[in-house]
C-alpha cells in the first residue's frame, strides 16, 4: 500500500489503520514529488491519495497509478475537481474524517476482498 497525505498525523493514522487490518504499507508520502517517486518505483498493491497536497493535487500520482494498473482511492476532506471527476468517474472517494473501519472496508473493496477481519 502507498499512503499519500500532506498532513503527517493523518498519514500516520492511515498507515496505522491499514497496518492493523493486515495491510503492508510500503511508503507514506507527504509531497507530490515523493509520491511520484514511490509510485513509479515501488511494488504497490493499492494506494490512498489525498486530493490536495499543499498547493498541488495528487492527479499526477493517480495518472501514474492508472498507467501501472494499480488501484487507488481518494481519501480527502474535499470534493474531486471536475477534471479529476471526469478522468476517474468511478473512483472511490472516502470523505475525511472517516471511521477506521470505513477506510479499511473501502480498501478491501478496492482490492476485491469481501471483508477484512476486525
Protein backbone atom coordinates (compact mmCIF):
# COMPACT_ATOMS: atom_id res chain seq x y z
CA UNK A 1 0.00 0.00 0.00
CA UNK A 2 1.02 3.55 -0.72
CA UNK A 3 -0.35 6.30 1.52
CA UNK A 4 -0.25 9.87 0.21
CA UNK A 5 -1.35 12.71 2.50
CA UNK A 6 0.28 16.06 3.17
CA UNK A 7 -0.62 16.08 6.88
CA UNK A 8 1.78 13.85 8.83
CA UNK A 9 -0.62 12.94 11.64
CA UNK A 10 -3.32 11.90 9.19
CA UNK A 11 -0.81 9.97 7.07
CA UNK A 12 0.48 8.10 10.13
CA UNK A 13 -3.09 7.40 11.26
CA UNK A 14 -3.94 5.95 7.84
CA UNK A 15 -0.78 3.84 7.94
CA UNK A 16 -1.61 2.51 11.43
CA UNK A 17 -5.23 1.80 10.50
CA UNK A 18 -4.24 -0.16 7.40
CA UNK A 19 -1.42 -2.00 9.17
CA UNK A 20 -3.77 -3.05 11.98
CA UNK A 21 -6.07 -4.51 9.30
CA UNK A 22 -3.17 -6.54 7.89
CA UNK A 23 -2.02 -4.34 5.03
CA UNK A 24 1.65 -3.79 4.35
CA UNK A 25 2.22 -0.07 3.88
CA UNK A 26 5.41 0.26 1.84
CA UNK A 27 5.53 4.06 1.70
CA UNK A 28 3.97 7.11 3.31
CA UNK A 29 4.39 10.27 1.24
CA UNK A 30 3.62 13.87 2.07
CA UNK A 31 4.63 15.64 -1.14
CA UNK A 32 3.81 15.21 -4.80
CA UNK A 33 7.47 14.62 -5.68
CA UNK A 34 7.80 11.92 -3.02
CA UNK A 35 4.55 10.26 -4.07
CA UNK A 36 5.51 10.23 -7.76
CA UNK A 37 8.87 8.67 -6.98
CA UNK A 38 7.41 5.96 -4.75
CA UNK A 39 4.50 5.26 -7.12
CA UNK A 40 6.94 4.80 -10.00
CA UNK A 41 9.42 2.56 -8.22
CA UNK A 42 7.59 0.52 -5.59
CA UNK A 43 5.72 -2.73 -5.89
CA UNK A 44 2.33 -1.45 -4.71
CA UNK A 45 -0.97 -3.33 -4.47
CA UNK A 46 -3.10 -0.20 -3.94
CA UNK A 47 -2.97 3.40 -2.76
CA UNK A 48 -4.86 6.01 -0.79
CA UNK A 49 -4.48 9.53 -2.14
CA UNK A 50 -5.37 12.82 -0.55
CA UNK A 51 -6.66 15.12 -3.28
CA UNK A 52 -4.71 18.19 -2.19
CA UNK A 53 -1.01 18.04 -1.43
CA UNK A 54 -0.22 21.57 -0.33
CA UNK A 55 -0.84 23.75 -3.39
CA UNK A 56 -0.82 20.78 -5.76
CA UNK A 57 -3.16 17.87 -6.35
CA UNK A 58 -2.45 14.16 -6.45
CA UNK A 59 -3.67 13.95 -10.06
CA UNK A 60 -0.21 13.13 -11.45
CA UNK A 61 0.11 10.27 -8.96
CA UNK A 62 -3.33 8.97 -9.96
CA UNK A 63 -2.29 9.09 -13.62
CA UNK A 64 0.89 7.12 -12.88
CA UNK A 65 -1.00 4.54 -10.82
CA UNK A 66 -3.59 4.19 -13.59
CA UNK A 67 -0.83 3.63 -16.15
CA UNK A 68 0.68 0.95 -13.90
CA UNK A 69 -2.71 -0.71 -13.32
CA UNK A 70 -2.60 -0.07 -9.57
CA UNK A 71 -5.98 0.57 -7.93
CA UNK A 72 -6.38 3.62 -5.72
CA UNK A 73 -8.95 5.60 -3.84
CA UNK A 74 -9.12 9.22 -2.83
CA UNK A 75 -9.28 9.93 0.91
CA UNK A 76 -9.94 13.60 1.36
CA UNK A 77 -11.99 16.26 3.04
CA UNK A 78 -12.54 17.87 -0.36
CA UNK A 79 -14.51 17.05 -3.47
CA UNK A 80 -12.69 15.89 -6.56
CA UNK A 81 -12.03 18.74 -9.00
CA UNK A 82 -14.14 18.44 -12.17
CA UNK A 83 -11.22 17.34 -14.37
CA UNK A 84 -10.40 14.53 -11.92
CA UNK A 85 -14.08 13.51 -11.68
CA UNK A 86 -14.18 13.29 -15.47
CA UNK A 87 -10.99 11.22 -15.62
CA UNK A 88 -11.92 8.80 -12.79
CA UNK A 89 -15.74 8.86 -12.60
CA UNK A 90 -15.97 5.55 -10.74
CA UNK A 91 -13.06 6.03 -8.35
CA UNK A 92 -13.87 5.59 -4.68
CA UNK A 93 -13.83 8.79 -2.62
CA UNK A 94 -13.78 8.32 1.14
CA UNK A 95 -14.54 11.57 2.93
CA UNK A 96 -12.38 12.71 5.84
CA UNK A 97 -12.79 12.17 8.64
CA UNK A 98 -13.87 8.57 8.26
CA UNK A 99 -14.10 5.84 10.84
CA UNK A 100 -11.14 3.45 10.56
CA UNK A 101 -13.50 0.59 9.60
CA UNK A 102 -14.89 2.66 6.72
CA UNK A 103 -11.40 3.23 5.31
CA UNK A 104 -10.43 -0.44 5.74
CA UNK A 105 -13.65 -1.58 4.06
CA UNK A 106 -13.04 0.83 1.15
CA UNK A 107 -9.51 -0.51 0.65
CA UNK A 108 -10.81 -4.09 0.86
CA UNK A 109 -13.41 -3.28 -1.82
CA UNK A 110 -10.70 -1.67 -3.94
CA UNK A 111 -8.71 -4.89 -3.77
CA UNK A 112 -11.75 -7.04 -4.49
CA UNK A 113 -11.88 -8.52 -0.99
CA UNK A 114 -15.28 -9.18 0.55
CA UNK A 115 -14.23 -8.11 4.01
CA UNK A 116 -11.26 -7.78 6.27
CA UNK A 117 -11.43 -9.29 9.76
CA UNK A 118 -11.65 -6.88 12.66
